[in-house]
Amino acid sequence: MERLTAQEEEIMLYIWKLGPCFIRDILNEMQEPRPPYTSVASVVRNLERKKYVSPKKYGTITEFSPLIKEADYKRTFMSNVVRDYFTGSYKEMVTFFVKDRKLSKSDLQDLMNLIENEE
C-alpha cells in the first residue's frame, strides 16, 4: 500500500465518510475556503493511480469509490509509525504518550479494561 500525502489523506477521509461519491460531493463536505474543483480532481486522480479509489463513469461525470478500507489504511500506517519511530514496540509508543502527558491514568485504565475484556 503506497503512502498518501497529507492532501491525499484528507480527500480519502471524505471518500471513506461519503462512500461512492463525486468530486462535487467532496467539495460540499469541505470547509470554506474550499480548494478549486480542479485541485480536488487532481488529488482524486492521484488516488486512482495509487489504487485507493475506483472510477465509474456516468456520461461526463465520474463517481469514485474507495478500494482500500479506512481501517486497513490506519493499521498499515500505524504499523509503519511504530516500526519507524518506536523500534517496533507499541509499549514504547504508549510510554512516549504517557511521558508527553497525552495519556492520563484514566486513559490507561480504560485501555487496561479493554485488554482485560478482550480475553
PDB file of N, CA and C in Angstrom:
ATOM      1  N   MET A   1       0.843  -1.169   0.000  1.00  0.00           N
ATOM      2  CA  MET A   1       0.000   0.000   0.000  1.00  0.00           C
ATOM      3  C   MET A   1       0.894   1.241   0.000  1.00  0.00           C
ATOM      4  N   GLU A   2       0.731   2.051  -1.011  1.00  0.00           N
ATOM      5  CA  GLU A   2       1.557   3.253  -1.152  1.00  0.00           C
ATOM      6  C   GLU A   2       1.105   4.321  -0.164  1.00  0.00           C
ATOM      7  N   ARG A   3       2.068   5.005   0.440  1.00  0.00           N
ATOM      8  CA  ARG A   3       1.797   6.059   1.421  1.00  0.00           C
ATOM      9  C   ARG A   3       1.119   7.239   0.735  1.00  0.00           C
ATOM     10  N   LEU A   4       0.172   7.851   1.429  1.00  0.00           N
ATOM     11  CA  LEU A   4      -0.532   9.011   0.897  1.00  0.00           C
ATOM     12  C   LEU A   4       0.077  10.303   1.421  1.00  0.00           C
ATOM     13  N   THR A   5      -0.015  11.344   0.607  1.00  0.00           N
ATOM     14  CA  THR A   5       0.378  12.676   1.052  1.00  0.00           C
ATOM     15  C   THR A   5      -0.704  13.205   1.991  1.00  0.00           C
ATOM     16  N   ALA A   6      -0.428  14.302   2.671  1.00  0.00           N
ATOM     17  CA  ALA A   6      -1.411  14.913   3.575  1.00  0.00           C
ATOM     18  C   ALA A   6      -2.684  15.287   2.814  1.00  0.00           C
ATOM     19  N   GLN A   7      -2.542  15.850   1.620  1.00  0.00           N
ATOM     20  CA  GLN A   7      -3.709  16.211   0.802  1.00  0.00           C
ATOM     21  C   GLN A   7      -4.509  14.973   0.405  1.00  0.00           C
ATOM     22  N   GLU A   8      -3.808  13.923   0.011  1.00  0.00           N
ATOM     23  CA  GLU A   8      -4.488  12.692  -0.386  1.00  0.00           C
ATOM     24  C   GLU A   8      -5.220  12.069   0.794  1.00  0.00           C
ATOM     25  N   GLU A   9      -4.591  12.086   1.973  1.00  0.00           N
ATOM     26  CA  GLU A   9      -5.254  11.551   3.169  1.00  0.00           C
ATOM     27  C   GLU A   9      -6.515  12.343   3.487  1.00  0.00           C
ATOM     28  N   GLU A  10      -6.431  13.659   3.389  1.00  0.00           N
ATOM     29  CA  GLU A  10      -7.598  14.497   3.670  1.00  0.00           C
ATOM     30  C   GLU A  10      -8.759  14.144   2.744  1.00  0.00           C
ATOM     31  N   ILE A  11      -8.471  14.030   1.458  1.00  0.00           N
ATOM     32  CA  ILE A  11      -9.519  13.697   0.488  1.00  0.00           C
ATOM     33  C   ILE A  11     -10.034  12.279   0.728  1.00  0.00           C
ATOM     34  N   MET A  12      -9.130  11.338   1.049  1.00  0.00           N
ATOM     35  CA  MET A  12      -9.548   9.964   1.313  1.00  0.00           C
ATOM     36  C   MET A  12     -10.480   9.909   2.513  1.00  0.00           C
ATOM     37  N   LEU A  13     -10.248  10.725   3.532  1.00  0.00           N
ATOM     38  CA  LEU A  13     -11.145  10.749   4.694  1.00  0.00           C
ATOM     39  C   LEU A  13     -12.569  11.111   4.279  1.00  0.00           C
ATOM     40  N   TYR A  14     -12.695  12.049   3.358  1.00  0.00           N
ATOM     41  CA  TYR A  14     -14.026  12.408   2.854  1.00  0.00           C
ATOM     42  C   TYR A  14     -14.626  11.250   2.061  1.00  0.00           C
ATOM     43  N   ILE A  15     -13.829  10.603   1.248  1.00  0.00           N
ATOM     44  CA  ILE A  15     -14.333   9.491   0.434  1.00  0.00           C
ATOM     45  C   ILE A  15     -14.770   8.336   1.342  1.00  0.00           C
ATOM     46  N   TRP A  16     -13.985   8.033   2.380  1.00  0.00           N
ATOM     47  CA  TRP A  16     -14.395   6.986   3.321  1.00  0.00           C
ATOM     48  C   TRP A  16     -15.690   7.366   4.020  1.00  0.00           C
ATOM     49  N   LYS A  17     -15.829   8.624   4.355  1.00  0.00           N
ATOM     50  CA  LYS A  17     -17.035   9.096   5.040  1.00  0.00           C
ATOM     51  C   LYS A  17     -18.255   9.007   4.123  1.00  0.00           C
ATOM     52  N   LEU A  18     -18.080   9.425   2.879  1.00  0.00           N
ATOM     53  CA  LEU A  18     -19.193   9.508   1.943  1.00  0.00           C
ATOM     54  C   LEU A  18     -19.518   8.186   1.251  1.00  0.00           C
ATOM     55  N   GLY A  19     -18.518   7.337   1.086  1.00  0.00           N
ATOM     56  CA  GLY A  19     -18.708   6.153   0.246  1.00  0.00           C
ATOM     57  C   GLY A  19     -18.612   6.587  -1.211  1.00  0.00           C
ATOM     58  N   PRO A  20     -19.232   5.856  -2.122  1.00  0.00           N
ATOM     59  CA  PRO A  20     -19.167   6.278  -3.526  1.00  0.00           C
ATOM     60  C   PRO A  20     -19.647   7.728  -3.656  1.00  0.00           C
ATOM     61  N   CYS A  21     -18.841   8.557  -4.311  1.00  0.00           N
ATOM     62  CA  CYS A  21     -19.164   9.981  -4.386  1.00  0.00           C
ATOM     63  C   CYS A  21     -18.530  10.626  -5.617  1.00  0.00           C
ATOM     64  N   PHE A  22     -18.994  11.815  -5.874  1.00  0.00           N
ATOM     65  CA  PHE A  22     -18.470  12.637  -6.960  1.00  0.00           C
ATOM     66  C   PHE A  22     -17.579  13.720  -6.357  1.00  0.00           C
ATOM     67  N   ILE A  23     -16.753  14.318  -7.166  1.00  0.00           N
ATOM     68  CA  ILE A  23     -15.853  15.370  -6.674  1.00  0.00           C
ATOM     69  C   ILE A  23     -16.652  16.514  -6.050  1.00  0.00           C
ATOM     70  N   ARG A  24     -17.790  16.822  -6.632  1.00  0.00           N
ATOM     71  CA  ARG A  24     -18.644  17.883  -6.083  1.00  0.00           C
ATOM     72  C   ARG A  24     -19.093  17.522  -4.655  1.00  0.00           C
ATOM     73  N   ASP A  25     -19.378  16.250  -4.398  1.00  0.00           N
ATOM     74  CA  ASP A  25     -19.767  15.810  -3.049  1.00  0.00           C
ATOM     75  C   ASP A  25     -18.642  16.073  -2.050  1.00  0.00           C
ATOM     76  N   ILE A  26     -17.417  15.777  -2.468  1.00  0.00           N
ATOM     77  CA  ILE A  26     -16.256  16.001  -1.602  1.00  0.00           C
ATOM     78  C   ILE A  26     -16.123  17.489  -1.295  1.00  0.00           C
ATOM     79  N   LEU A  27     -16.222  18.315  -2.328  1.00  0.00           N
ATOM     80  CA  LEU A  27     -16.125  19.767  -2.146  1.00  0.00           C
ATOM     81  C   LEU A  27     -17.205  20.283  -1.193  1.00  0.00           C
ATOM     82  N   ASN A  28     -18.416  19.745  -1.301  1.00  0.00           N
ATOM     83  CA  ASN A  28     -19.510  20.186  -0.430  1.00  0.00           C
ATOM     84  C   ASN A  28     -19.254  19.854   1.029  1.00  0.00           C
ATOM     85  N   GLU A  29     -18.465  18.836   1.305  1.00  0.00           N
ATOM     86  CA  GLU A  29     -18.127  18.443   2.683  1.00  0.00           C
ATOM     87  C   GLU A  29     -17.024  19.319   3.276  1.00  0.00           C
ATOM     88  N   MET A  30     -16.234  19.922   2.420  1.00  0.00           N
ATOM     89  CA  MET A  30     -15.077  20.692   2.876  1.00  0.00           C
ATOM     90  C   MET A  30     -15.500  22.053   3.426  1.00  0.00           C
ATOM     91  N   GLN A  31     -14.712  22.526   4.393  1.00  0.00           N
ATOM     92  CA  GLN A  31     -14.987  23.828   4.970  1.00  0.00           C
ATOM     93  C   GLN A  31     -14.440  24.933   4.067  1.00  0.00           C
ATOM     94  N   GLU A  32     -15.023  26.108   4.225  1.00  0.00           N
ATOM     95  CA  GLU A  32     -14.551  27.287   3.499  1.00  0.00           C
ATOM     96  C   GLU A  32     -13.211  27.725   4.072  1.00  0.00           C
ATOM     97  N   PRO A  33     -12.320  28.251   3.317  1.00  0.00           N
ATOM     98  CA  PRO A  33     -12.382  28.367   1.856  1.00  0.00           C
ATOM     99  C   PRO A  33     -12.044  27.020   1.210  1.00  0.00           C
ATOM    100  N   ARG A  34     -12.887  26.616   0.307  1.00  0.00           N
ATOM    101  CA  ARG A  34     -12.689  25.341  -0.376  1.00  0.00           C
ATOM    102  C   ARG A  34     -11.641  25.494  -1.474  1.00  0.00           C
ATOM    103  N   PRO A  35     -10.892  24.421  -1.711  1.00  0.00           N
ATOM    104  CA  PRO A  35      -9.936  24.480  -2.821  1.00  0.00           C
ATOM    105  C   PRO A  35     -10.694  24.449  -4.158  1.00  0.00           C
ATOM    106  N   PRO A  36     -10.026  24.824  -5.231  1.00  0.00           N
ATOM    107  CA  PRO A  36     -10.671  24.755  -6.537  1.00  0.00           C
ATOM    108  C   PRO A  36     -11.045  23.310  -6.898  1.00  0.00           C
ATOM    109  N   TYR A  37     -12.094  23.160  -7.664  1.00  0.00           N
ATOM    110  CA  TYR A  37     -12.558  21.859  -8.145  1.00  0.00           C
ATOM    111  C   TYR A  37     -11.416  21.096  -8.800  1.00  0.00           C
ATOM    112  N   THR A  38     -10.635  21.794  -9.622  1.00  0.00           N
ATOM    113  CA  THR A  38      -9.554  21.130 -10.353  1.00  0.00           C
ATOM    114  C   THR A  38      -8.477  20.579  -9.422  1.00  0.00           C
ATOM    115  N   SER A  39      -8.249  21.250  -8.297  1.00  0.00           N
ATOM    116  CA  SER A  39      -7.254  20.760  -7.332  1.00  0.00           C
ATOM    117  C   SER A  39      -7.720  19.455  -6.696  1.00  0.00           C
ATOM    118  N   VAL A  40      -8.985  19.404  -6.292  1.00  0.00           N
ATOM    119  CA  VAL A  40      -9.538  18.186  -5.702  1.00  0.00           C
ATOM    120  C   VAL A  40      -9.548  17.074  -6.741  1.00  0.00           C
ATOM    121  N   ALA A  41      -9.928  17.410  -7.967  1.00  0.00           N
ATOM    122  CA  ALA A  41      -9.951  16.410  -9.047  1.00  0.00           C
ATOM    123  C   ALA A  41      -8.561  15.835  -9.278  1.00  0.00           C
ATOM    124  N   SER A  42      -7.549  16.660  -9.213  1.00  0.00           N
ATOM    125  CA  SER A  42      -6.177  16.203  -9.402  1.00  0.00           C
ATOM    126  C   SER A  42      -5.758  15.232  -8.292  1.00  0.00           C
ATOM    127  N   VAL A  43      -6.119  15.550  -7.052  1.00  0.00           N
ATOM    128  CA  VAL A  43      -5.791  14.671  -5.930  1.00  0.00           C
ATOM    129  C   VAL A  43      -6.526  13.336  -6.079  1.00  0.00           C
ATOM    130  N   VAL A  44      -7.791  13.396  -6.480  1.00  0.00           N
ATOM    131  CA  VAL A  44      -8.570  12.160  -6.660  1.00  0.00           C
ATOM    132  C   VAL A  44      -7.962  11.309  -7.769  1.00  0.00           C
ATOM    133  N   ARG A  45      -7.492  11.925  -8.820  1.00  0.00           N
ATOM    134  CA  ARG A  45      -6.833  11.164  -9.899  1.00  0.00           C
ATOM    135  C   ARG A  45      -5.559  10.490  -9.391  1.00  0.00           C
ATOM    136  N   ASN A  46      -4.824  11.161  -8.510  1.00  0.00           N
ATOM    137  CA  ASN A  46      -3.646  10.530  -7.891  1.00  0.00           C
ATOM    138  C   ASN A  46      -4.069   9.327  -7.049  1.00  0.00           C
ATOM    139  N   LEU A  47      -5.178   9.465  -6.331  1.00  0.00           N
ATOM    140  CA  LEU A  47      -5.685   8.345  -5.533  1.00  0.00           C
ATOM    141  C   LEU A  47      -6.099   7.177  -6.428  1.00  0.00           C
ATOM    142  N   GLU A  48      -6.632   7.502  -7.574  1.00  0.00           N
ATOM    143  CA  GLU A  48      -6.992   6.462  -8.547  1.00  0.00           C
ATOM    144  C   GLU A  48      -5.727   5.761  -9.055  1.00  0.00           C
ATOM    145  N   ARG A  49      -4.706   6.544  -9.371  1.00  0.00           N
ATOM    146  CA  ARG A  49      -3.439   5.983  -9.852  1.00  0.00           C
ATOM    147  C   ARG A  49      -2.799   5.083  -8.798  1.00  0.00           C
ATOM    148  N   LYS A  50      -2.944   5.467  -7.527  1.00  0.00           N
ATOM    149  CA  LYS A  50      -2.366   4.689  -6.437  1.00  0.00           C
ATOM    150  C   LYS A  50      -3.266   3.521  -6.022  1.00  0.00           C
ATOM    151  N   LYS A  51      -4.397   3.352  -6.705  1.00  0.00           N
ATOM    152  CA  LYS A  51      -5.333   2.241  -6.450  1.00  0.00           C
ATOM    153  C   LYS A  51      -6.058   2.353  -5.109  1.00  0.00           C
ATOM    154  N   TYR A  52      -6.349   3.583  -4.706  1.00  0.00           N
ATOM    155  CA  TYR A  52      -7.134   3.802  -3.491  1.00  0.00           C
ATOM    156  C   TYR A  52      -8.606   3.996  -3.816  1.00  0.00           C
ATOM    157  N   VAL A  53      -8.894   4.470  -5.026  1.00  0.00           N
ATOM    158  CA  VAL A  53     -10.283   4.664  -5.445  1.00  0.00           C
ATOM    159  C   VAL A  53     -10.490   4.077  -6.832  1.00  0.00           C
ATOM    160  N   SER A  54     -11.743   3.755  -7.095  1.00  0.00           N
ATOM    161  CA  SER A  54     -12.128   3.201  -8.390  1.00  0.00           C
ATOM    162  C   SER A  54     -13.126   4.146  -9.056  1.00  0.00           C
ATOM    163  N   PRO A  55     -12.895   4.494 -10.326  1.00  0.00           N
ATOM    164  CA  PRO A  55     -13.817   5.399 -11.016  1.00  0.00           C
ATOM    165  C   PRO A  55     -14.955   4.630 -11.701  1.00  0.00           C
ATOM    166  N   LYS A  56     -16.112   5.281 -11.767  1.00  0.00           N
ATOM    167  CA  LYS A  56     -17.246   4.745 -12.532  1.00  0.00           C
ATOM    168  C   LYS A  56     -17.857   5.917 -13.289  1.00  0.00           C
ATOM    169  N   LYS A  57     -17.814   5.833 -14.626  1.00  0.00           N
ATOM    170  CA  LYS A  57     -18.262   6.939 -15.479  1.00  0.00           C
ATOM    171  C   LYS A  57     -19.774   6.924 -15.655  1.00  0.00           C
ATOM    172  N   TYR A  58     -20.352   8.106 -15.573  1.00  0.00           N
ATOM    173  CA  TYR A  58     -21.760   8.345 -15.901  1.00  0.00           C
ATOM    174  C   TYR A  58     -21.776   9.504 -16.891  1.00  0.00           C
ATOM    175  N   GLY A  59     -21.640   9.206 -18.142  1.00  0.00           N
ATOM    176  CA  GLY A  59     -21.564  10.264 -19.146  1.00  0.00           C
ATOM    177  C   GLY A  59     -20.301  11.074 -18.956  1.00  0.00           C
ATOM    178  N   THR A  60     -20.479  12.345 -18.597  1.00  0.00           N
ATOM    179  CA  THR A  60     -19.314  13.226 -18.443  1.00  0.00           C
ATOM    180  C   THR A  60     -18.816  13.341 -17.005  1.00  0.00           C
ATOM    181  N   ILE A  61     -19.525  12.717 -16.063  1.00  0.00           N
ATOM    182  CA  ILE A  61     -19.074  12.800 -14.684  1.00  0.00           C
ATOM    183  C   ILE A  61     -18.625  11.424 -14.185  1.00  0.00           C
ATOM    184  N   THR A  62     -17.782  11.453 -13.162  1.00  0.00           N
ATOM    185  CA  THR A  62     -17.212  10.213 -12.645  1.00  0.00           C
ATOM    186  C   THR A  62     -17.480  10.103 -11.149  1.00  0.00           C
ATOM    187  N   GLU A  63     -17.941   8.924 -10.761  1.00  0.00           N
ATOM    188  CA  GLU A  63     -18.138   8.610  -9.351  1.00  0.00           C
ATOM    189  C   GLU A  63     -16.935   7.803  -8.877  1.00  0.00           C
ATOM    190  N   PHE A  64     -16.467   8.098  -7.672  1.00  0.00           N
ATOM    191  CA  PHE A  64     -15.302   7.411  -7.129  1.00  0.00           C
ATOM    192  C   PHE A  64     -15.697   6.629  -5.884  1.00  0.00           C
ATOM    193  N   SER A  65     -15.234   5.385  -5.829  1.00  0.00           N
ATOM    194  CA  SER A  65     -15.497   4.509  -4.682  1.00  0.00           C
ATOM    195  C   SER A  65     -14.177   4.093  -4.059  1.00  0.00           C
ATOM    196  N   PRO A  66     -14.148   3.992  -2.730  1.00  0.00           N
ATOM    197  CA  PRO A  66     -12.903   3.564  -2.074  1.00  0.00           C
ATOM    198  C   PRO A  66     -12.606   2.097  -2.381  1.00  0.00           C
ATOM    199  N   LEU A  67     -11.352   1.804  -2.659  1.00  0.00           N
ATOM    200  CA  LEU A  67     -10.895   0.425  -2.858  1.00  0.00           C
ATOM    201  C   LEU A  67     -10.208  -0.118  -1.613  1.00  0.00           C
ATOM    202  N   ILE A  68      -9.697   0.785  -0.794  1.00  0.00           N
ATOM    203  CA  ILE A  68      -8.992   0.431   0.439  1.00  0.00           C
ATOM    204  C   ILE A  68      -9.878   0.833   1.612  1.00  0.00           C
ATOM    205  N   LYS A  69     -10.060  -0.054   2.570  1.00  0.00           N
ATOM    206  CA  LYS A  69     -10.849   0.271   3.751  1.00  0.00           C
ATOM    207  C   LYS A  69     -10.042   1.183   4.666  1.00  0.00           C
ATOM    208  N   GLU A  70     -10.752   2.095   5.316  1.00  0.00           N
ATOM    209  CA  GLU A  70     -10.096   3.038   6.215  1.00  0.00           C
ATOM    210  C   GLU A  70      -9.327   2.306   7.320  1.00  0.00           C
ATOM    211  N   ALA A  71      -9.926   1.270   7.881  1.00  0.00           N
ATOM    212  CA  ALA A  71      -9.265   0.514   8.960  1.00  0.00           C
ATOM    213  C   ALA A  71      -7.974  -0.133   8.467  1.00  0.00           C
ATOM    214  N   ASP A  72      -7.958  -0.624   7.235  1.00  0.00           N
ATOM    215  CA  ASP A  72      -6.750  -1.241   6.686  1.00  0.00           C
ATOM    216  C   ASP A  72      -5.649  -0.205   6.511  1.00  0.00           C
ATOM    217  N   TYR A  73      -6.021   0.995   6.041  1.00  0.00           N
ATOM    218  CA  TYR A  73      -5.022   2.056   5.883  1.00  0.00           C
ATOM    219  C   TYR A  73      -4.458   2.455   7.242  1.00  0.00           C
ATOM    220  N   LYS A  74      -5.332   2.646   8.229  1.00  0.00           N
ATOM    221  CA  LYS A  74      -4.885   3.031   9.570  1.00  0.00           C
ATOM    222  C   LYS A  74      -3.950   1.974  10.151  1.00  0.00           C
ATOM    223  N   ARG A  75      -4.321   0.715   9.977  1.00  0.00           N
ATOM    224  CA  ARG A  75      -3.498  -0.378  10.512  1.00  0.00           C
ATOM    225  C   ARG A  75      -2.096  -0.340   9.897  1.00  0.00           C
ATOM    226  N   THR A  76      -2.024  -0.195   8.591  1.00  0.00           N
ATOM    227  CA  THR A  76      -0.736  -0.143   7.901  1.00  0.00           C
ATOM    228  C   THR A  76       0.053   1.093   8.311  1.00  0.00           C
ATOM    229  N   PHE A  77      -0.620   2.245   8.342  1.00  0.00           N
ATOM    230  CA  PHE A  77       0.037   3.497   8.688  1.00  0.00           C
ATOM    231  C   PHE A  77       0.588   3.440  10.115  1.00  0.00           C
ATOM    232  N   MET A  78      -0.225   2.971  11.046  1.00  0.00           N
ATOM    233  CA  MET A  78       0.218   2.911  12.444  1.00  0.00           C
ATOM    234  C   MET A  78       1.342   1.896  12.618  1.00  0.00           C
ATOM    235  N   SER A  79       1.282   0.791  11.916  1.00  0.00           N
ATOM    236  CA  SER A  79       2.360  -0.196  11.989  1.00  0.00           C
ATOM    237  C   SER A  79       3.675   0.415  11.530  1.00  0.00           C
ATOM    238  N   ASN A  80       3.602   1.224  10.476  1.00  0.00           N
ATOM    239  CA  ASN A  80       4.812   1.897   9.977  1.00  0.00           C
ATOM    240  C   ASN A  80       5.333   2.917  10.984  1.00  0.00           C
ATOM    241  N   VAL A  81       4.445   3.660  11.627  1.00  0.00           N
ATOM    242  CA  VAL A  81       4.862   4.644  12.634  1.00  0.00           C
ATOM    243  C   VAL A  81       5.558   3.936  13.792  1.00  0.00           C
ATOM    244  N   VAL A  82       4.950   2.857  14.260  1.00  0.00           N
ATOM    245  CA  VAL A  82       5.541   2.113  15.386  1.00  0.00           C
ATOM    246  C   VAL A  82       6.893   1.543  14.976  1.00  0.00           C
ATOM    247  N   ARG A  83       6.977   0.994  13.786  1.00  0.00           N
ATOM    248  CA  ARG A  83       8.246   0.422  13.303  1.00  0.00           C
ATOM    249  C   ARG A  83       9.317   1.503  13.159  1.00  0.00           C
ATOM    250  N   ASP A  84       8.962   2.635  12.549  1.00  0.00           N
ATOM    251  CA  ASP A  84       9.947   3.669  12.225  1.00  0.00           C
ATOM    252  C   ASP A  84      10.341   4.555  13.403  1.00  0.00           C
ATOM    253  N   TYR A  85       9.412   4.805  14.331  1.00  0.00           N
ATOM    254  CA  TYR A  85       9.683   5.766  15.399  1.00  0.00           C
ATOM    255  C   TYR A  85       9.785   5.154  16.791  1.00  0.00           C
ATOM    256  N   PHE A  86       9.295   3.916  16.949  1.00  0.00           N
ATOM    257  CA  PHE A  86       9.286   3.296  18.271  1.00  0.00           C
ATOM    258  C   PHE A  86       9.902   1.900  18.237  1.00  0.00           C
ATOM    259  N   THR A  87      10.837   1.699  17.349  1.00  0.00           N
ATOM    260  CA  THR A  87      11.572   0.431  17.182  1.00  0.00           C
ATOM    261  C   THR A  87      10.667  -0.798  17.225  1.00  0.00           C
ATOM    262  N   GLY A  88       9.477  -0.645  16.642  1.00  0.00           N
ATOM    263  CA  GLY A  88       8.554  -1.767  16.548  1.00  0.00           C
ATOM    264  C   GLY A  88       7.820  -2.092  17.833  1.00  0.00           C
ATOM    265  N   SER A  89       7.940  -1.251  18.842  1.00  0.00           N
ATOM    266  CA  SER A  89       7.350  -1.540  20.148  1.00  0.00           C
ATOM    267  C   SER A  89       6.143  -0.631  20.420  1.00  0.00           C
ATOM    268  N   TYR A  90       4.979  -1.252  20.519  1.00  0.00           N
ATOM    269  CA  TYR A  90       3.777  -0.491  20.874  1.00  0.00           C
ATOM    270  C   TYR A  90       3.879   0.001  22.318  1.00  0.00           C
ATOM    271  N   LYS A  91       4.553  -0.764  23.163  1.00  0.00           N
ATOM    272  CA  LYS A  91       4.770  -0.346  24.541  1.00  0.00           C
ATOM    273  C   LYS A  91       5.573   0.957  24.574  1.00  0.00           C
ATOM    274  N   GLU A  92       6.616   1.053  23.735  1.00  0.00           N
ATOM    275  CA  GLU A  92       7.404   2.297  23.656  1.00  0.00           C
ATOM    276  C   GLU A  92       6.540   3.457  23.209  1.00  0.00           C
ATOM    277  N   MET A  93       5.640   3.193  22.270  1.00  0.00           N
ATOM    278  CA  MET A  93       4.756   4.251  21.782  1.00  0.00           C
ATOM    279  C   MET A  93       3.852   4.742  22.909  1.00  0.00           C
ATOM    280  N   VAL A  94       3.245   3.822  23.651  1.00  0.00           N
ATOM    281  CA  VAL A  94       2.370   4.207  24.763  1.00  0.00           C
ATOM    282  C   VAL A  94       3.172   4.949  25.819  1.00  0.00           C
ATOM    283  N   THR A  95       4.368   4.466  26.125  1.00  0.00           N
ATOM    284  CA  THR A  95       5.240   5.134  27.089  1.00  0.00           C
ATOM    285  C   THR A  95       5.527   6.568  26.662  1.00  0.00           C
ATOM    286  N   PHE A  96       5.797   6.760  25.394  1.00  0.00           N
ATOM    287  CA  PHE A  96       6.047   8.104  24.861  1.00  0.00           C
ATOM    288  C   PHE A  96       4.862   9.021  25.138  1.00  0.00           C
ATOM    289  N   PHE A  97       3.656   8.538  24.868  1.00  0.00           N
ATOM    290  CA  PHE A  97       2.469   9.371  25.058  1.00  0.00           C
ATOM    291  C   PHE A  97       2.175   9.615  26.536  1.00  0.00           C
ATOM    292  N   VAL A  98       2.494   8.669  27.388  1.00  0.00           N
ATOM    293  CA  VAL A  98       2.328   8.878  28.830  1.00  0.00           C
ATOM    294  C   VAL A  98       3.300   9.945  29.304  1.00  0.00           C
ATOM    295  N   LYS A  99       4.578   9.807  28.922  1.00  0.00           N
ATOM    296  CA  LYS A  99       5.591  10.782  29.357  1.00  0.00           C
ATOM    297  C   LYS A  99       5.307  12.170  28.798  1.00  0.00           C
ATOM    298  N   ASP A 100       4.708  12.237  27.615  1.00  0.00           N
ATOM    299  CA  ASP A 100       4.378  13.517  26.982  1.00  0.00           C
ATOM    300  C   ASP A 100       3.027  14.049  27.473  1.00  0.00           C
ATOM    301  N   ARG A 101       2.448  13.350  28.453  1.00  0.00           N
ATOM    302  CA  ARG A 101       1.166  13.725  29.067  1.00  0.00           C
ATOM    303  C   ARG A 101       0.014  13.761  28.063  1.00  0.00           C
ATOM    304  N   LYS A 102       0.063  12.872  27.094  1.00  0.00           N
ATOM    305  CA  LYS A 102      -1.029  12.747  26.130  1.00  0.00           C
ATOM    306  C   LYS A 102      -2.008  11.661  26.558  1.00  0.00           C
ATOM    307  N   LEU A 103      -1.565  10.775  27.485  1.00  0.00           N
ATOM    308  CA  LEU A 103      -2.420   9.736  28.047  1.00  0.00           C
ATOM    309  C   LEU A 103      -2.442   9.902  29.560  1.00  0.00           C
ATOM    310  N   SER A 104      -3.644   9.913  30.122  1.00  0.00           N
ATOM    311  CA  SER A 104      -3.798  10.062  31.566  1.00  0.00           C
ATOM    312  C   SER A 104      -3.935   8.694  32.226  1.00  0.00           C
ATOM    313  N   LYS A 105      -3.955   8.697  33.563  1.00  0.00           N
ATOM    314  CA  LYS A 105      -4.192   7.457  34.304  1.00  0.00           C
ATOM    315  C   LYS A 105      -5.533   6.861  33.909  1.00  0.00           C
ATOM    316  N   SER A 106      -6.513   7.730  33.757  1.00  0.00           N
ATOM    317  CA  SER A 106      -7.855   7.283  33.366  1.00  0.00           C
ATOM    318  C   SER A 106      -7.826   6.627  31.980  1.00  0.00           C
ATOM    319  N   ASP A 107      -7.090   7.230  31.050  1.00  0.00           N
ATOM    320  CA  ASP A 107      -6.948   6.652  29.706  1.00  0.00           C
ATOM    321  C   ASP A 107      -6.309   5.269  29.788  1.00  0.00           C
ATOM    322  N   LEU A 108      -5.259   5.165  30.595  1.00  0.00           N
ATOM    323  CA  LEU A 108      -4.565   3.876  30.745  1.00  0.00           C
ATOM    324  C   LEU A 108      -5.471   2.830  31.386  1.00  0.00           C
ATOM    325  N   GLN A 109      -6.278   3.264  32.349  1.00  0.00           N
ATOM    326  CA  GLN A 109      -7.215   2.327  32.968  1.00  0.00           C
ATOM    327  C   GLN A 109      -8.248   1.847  31.948  1.00  0.00           C
ATOM    328  N   ASP A 110      -8.721   2.766  31.109  1.00  0.00           N
ATOM    329  CA  ASP A 110      -9.652   2.381  30.040  1.00  0.00           C
ATOM    330  C   ASP A 110      -9.012   1.355  29.107  1.00  0.00           C
ATOM    331  N   LEU A 111      -7.730   1.556  28.771  1.00  0.00           N
ATOM    332  CA  LEU A 111      -7.013   0.606  27.924  1.00  0.00           C
ATOM    333  C   LEU A 111      -6.875  -0.750  28.614  1.00  0.00           C
ATOM    334  N   MET A 112      -6.575  -0.726  29.906  1.00  0.00           N
ATOM    335  CA  MET A 112      -6.452  -1.983  30.663  1.00  0.00           C
ATOM    336  C   MET A 112      -7.793  -2.716  30.683  1.00  0.00           C
ATOM    337  N   ASN A 113      -8.872  -2.002  30.877  1.00  0.00           N
ATOM    338  CA  ASN A 113     -10.203  -2.616  30.861  1.00  0.00           C
ATOM    339  C   ASN A 113     -10.515  -3.214  29.493  1.00  0.00           C
ATOM    340  N   LEU A 114     -10.127  -2.523  28.456  1.00  0.00           N
ATOM    341  CA  LEU A 114     -10.322  -3.035  27.097  1.00  0.00           C
ATOM    342  C   LEU A 114      -9.540  -4.327  26.888  1.00  0.00           C
ATOM    343  N   ILE A 115      -8.293  -4.342  27.330  1.00  0.00           N
ATOM    344  CA  ILE A 115      -7.453  -5.539  27.190  1.00  0.00           C
ATOM    345  C   ILE A 115      -8.042  -6.697  27.985  1.00  0.00           C
ATOM    346  N   GLU A 116      -8.454  -6.434  29.224  1.00  0.00           N
ATOM    347  CA  GLU A 116      -8.995  -7.494  30.073  1.00  0.00           C
ATOM    348  C   GLU A 116     -10.300  -8.047  29.519  1.00  0.00           C
ATOM    349  N   ASN A 117     -11.101  -7.209  28.909  1.00  0.00           N
ATOM    350  CA  ASN A 117     -12.395  -7.654  28.370  1.00  0.00           C
ATOM    351  C   ASN A 117     -12.271  -8.346  27.017  1.00  0.00           C
ATOM    352  N   GLU A 118     -11.139  -8.203  26.355  1.00  0.00           N
ATOM    353  CA  GLU A 118     -10.910  -8.837  25.062  1.00  0.00           C
ATOM    354  C   GLU A 118     -10.569 -10.311  25.204  1.00  0.00           C
ATOM    355  N   GLU A 119     -10.090 -10.712  26.371  1.00  0.00           N
ATOM    356  CA  GLU A 119      -9.639 -12.103  26.555  1.00  0.00           C
ATOM    357  C   GLU A 119     -10.763 -13.041  26.833  1.00  0.00           C
TER     358      GLU A 119
END
